[in-house]
């Protein structure tokens, strides 16, 4: 039997965060979060060892970069979700990361989850 992947979710907009949770749970994966701030998510990122992270870039006027760096250092694949990407920064610091533009529609993350963690 396959063990469901553990997917770390960070988004400061509660409705979007819960939509991400519902989409991930519908795929049968386990959700870690959702987290809504850099500080909150950074504490959990260090301890949770997720299989994949879905991260909004802008969190209450702060960037998610410290969280992404922590997860990336632990070998966690990252999917950034945002309406505003810093493509040069992402390419330089997280070259394997995926990017999904907001608004996110049903199924927009499925291919990334499948490709990055082999689920479902």
Protein backbone atom coordinates (compact mmCIF):
# COMPACT_ATOMS: atom_id res chain seq x y z
CA UNK A 1 0.00 0.00 0.00
CA UNK A 2 1.29 3.45 -0.89
CA UNK A 3 1.79 6.01 1.87
CA UNK A 4 0.10 9.31 0.99
CA UNK A 5 2.48 12.24 0.53
CA UNK A 6 2.60 14.95 3.17
CA UNK A 7 2.00 18.33 1.53
CA UNK A 8 2.88 21.59 3.29
CA UNK A 9 0.55 24.49 2.44
CA UNK A 10 1.22 28.21 3.02
CA UNK A 11 -1.12 31.00 1.90
CA UNK A 12 -2.13 34.12 3.80
CA UNK A 13 -5.58 34.25 2.23
CA UNK A 14 -7.80 31.91 4.25
CA UNK A 15 -10.22 31.06 1.43
CA UNK A 16 -7.42 30.22 -1.00
CA UNK A 17 -5.60 28.21 1.67
CA UNK A 18 -8.70 26.13 2.38
CA UNK A 19 -9.31 25.57 -1.33
CA UNK A 20 -5.74 24.27 -1.58
CA UNK A 21 -6.38 21.99 1.40
CA UNK A 22 -9.55 20.61 -0.19
CA UNK A 23 -7.82 20.00 -3.52
CA UNK A 24 -4.88 18.21 -1.89
CA UNK A 25 -7.14 16.13 0.36
CA UNK A 26 -9.28 15.18 -2.64
CA UNK A 27 -6.16 13.58 -4.12
CA UNK A 28 -5.75 11.51 -0.96
CA UNK A 29 -2.65 13.34 0.29
CA UNK A 30 -2.05 14.45 3.87
CA UNK A 31 -2.02 18.20 4.51
CA UNK A 32 0.40 19.96 6.82
CA UNK A 33 -1.14 23.36 7.56
CA UNK A 34 -2.41 25.55 6.14
CA UNK A 35 -0.13 28.24 7.50
CA UNK A 36 -0.75 31.94 7.00
CA UNK A 37 2.51 33.72 7.92
CA UNK A 38 6.25 33.35 7.46
CA UNK A 39 6.82 32.96 11.20
CA UNK A 40 4.13 30.32 11.70
CA UNK A 41 5.14 28.29 8.67
CA UNK A 42 8.88 28.53 9.34
CA UNK A 43 8.47 26.92 12.77
CA UNK A 44 6.54 24.01 11.29
CA UNK A 45 8.72 23.68 8.18
CA UNK A 46 11.75 22.90 10.30
CA UNK A 47 9.99 20.03 12.09
CA UNK A 48 7.55 18.54 9.61
CA UNK A 49 9.68 17.04 6.77
CA UNK A 50 6.99 17.30 4.07
CA UNK A 51 7.16 15.54 0.71
CA UNK A 52 6.05 18.66 -1.20
CA UNK A 53 5.35 22.32 -0.40
CA UNK A 54 2.76 24.60 -1.99
CA UNK A 55 3.75 28.16 -1.12
CA UNK A 56 2.21 31.55 -1.78
CA UNK A 57 5.02 34.06 -2.29
CA UNK A 58 3.55 37.18 -0.65
CA UNK A 59 2.45 36.68 2.96
CA UNK A 60 1.19 39.81 4.72
CA UNK A 61 3.77 42.02 2.97
CA UNK A 62 6.58 39.51 3.62
CA UNK A 63 8.10 37.10 1.16
CA UNK A 64 7.98 33.34 1.77
CA UNK A 65 11.68 32.95 0.88
CA UNK A 66 12.92 31.92 4.38
CA UNK A 67 10.34 29.12 4.47
CA UNK A 68 11.20 28.05 0.92
CA UNK A 69 14.91 28.03 1.74
CA UNK A 70 14.33 25.86 4.81
CA UNK A 71 12.20 23.37 2.89
CA UNK A 72 14.53 23.37 -0.13
CA UNK A 73 17.54 22.69 2.11
CA UNK A 74 15.70 19.61 3.38
CA UNK A 75 15.15 18.36 -0.18
CA UNK A 76 11.46 19.24 -0.35
CA UNK A 77 10.11 20.04 -3.86
CA UNK A 78 8.29 23.37 -4.05
CA UNK A 79 5.34 24.67 -6.05
CA UNK A 80 4.97 28.43 -5.78
CA UNK A 81 1.45 29.81 -6.23
CA UNK A 82 1.12 33.53 -6.77
CA UNK A 83 -0.20 36.28 -8.96
CA UNK A 84 3.21 37.97 -8.83
CA UNK A 85 6.38 35.97 -9.53
CA UNK A 86 9.99 37.06 -9.26
CA UNK A 87 11.14 34.70 -12.00
CA UNK A 88 14.83 35.66 -11.72
CA UNK A 89 14.93 35.09 -7.96
CA UNK A 90 13.14 31.76 -8.21
CA UNK A 91 15.39 30.58 -11.05
CA UNK A 92 18.51 31.54 -9.10
CA UNK A 93 17.50 30.12 -5.72
CA UNK A 94 14.95 27.38 -6.47
CA UNK A 95 15.69 26.20 -10.02
CA UNK A 96 13.62 23.01 -9.70
CA UNK A 97 10.54 24.81 -8.31
CA UNK A 98 7.29 24.91 -10.22
CA UNK A 99 5.10 28.01 -10.57
CA UNK A 100 1.33 28.16 -10.77
CA UNK A 101 -0.38 31.49 -11.36
CA UNK A 102 -3.34 32.58 -9.26
CA UNK A 103 -6.22 32.26 -9.53
CA UNK A 104 -5.84 28.51 -9.22
CA UNK A 105 -8.51 26.42 -10.88
CA UNK A 106 -9.62 22.89 -10.08
CA UNK A 107 -6.93 20.43 -11.06
CA UNK A 108 -4.22 23.05 -11.66
CA UNK A 109 -1.95 21.45 -9.05
CA UNK A 110 -2.66 17.80 -9.88
CA UNK A 111 0.04 17.43 -12.52
CA UNK A 112 2.67 19.03 -10.26
CA UNK A 113 1.77 16.80 -7.33
CA UNK A 114 1.85 13.76 -9.58
CA UNK A 115 5.17 14.70 -11.20
CA UNK A 116 6.97 15.75 -8.02
CA UNK A 117 5.85 13.05 -5.57
CA UNK A 118 4.41 10.37 -7.83
CA UNK A 119 0.91 10.65 -6.41
CA UNK A 120 -1.68 9.41 -7.12
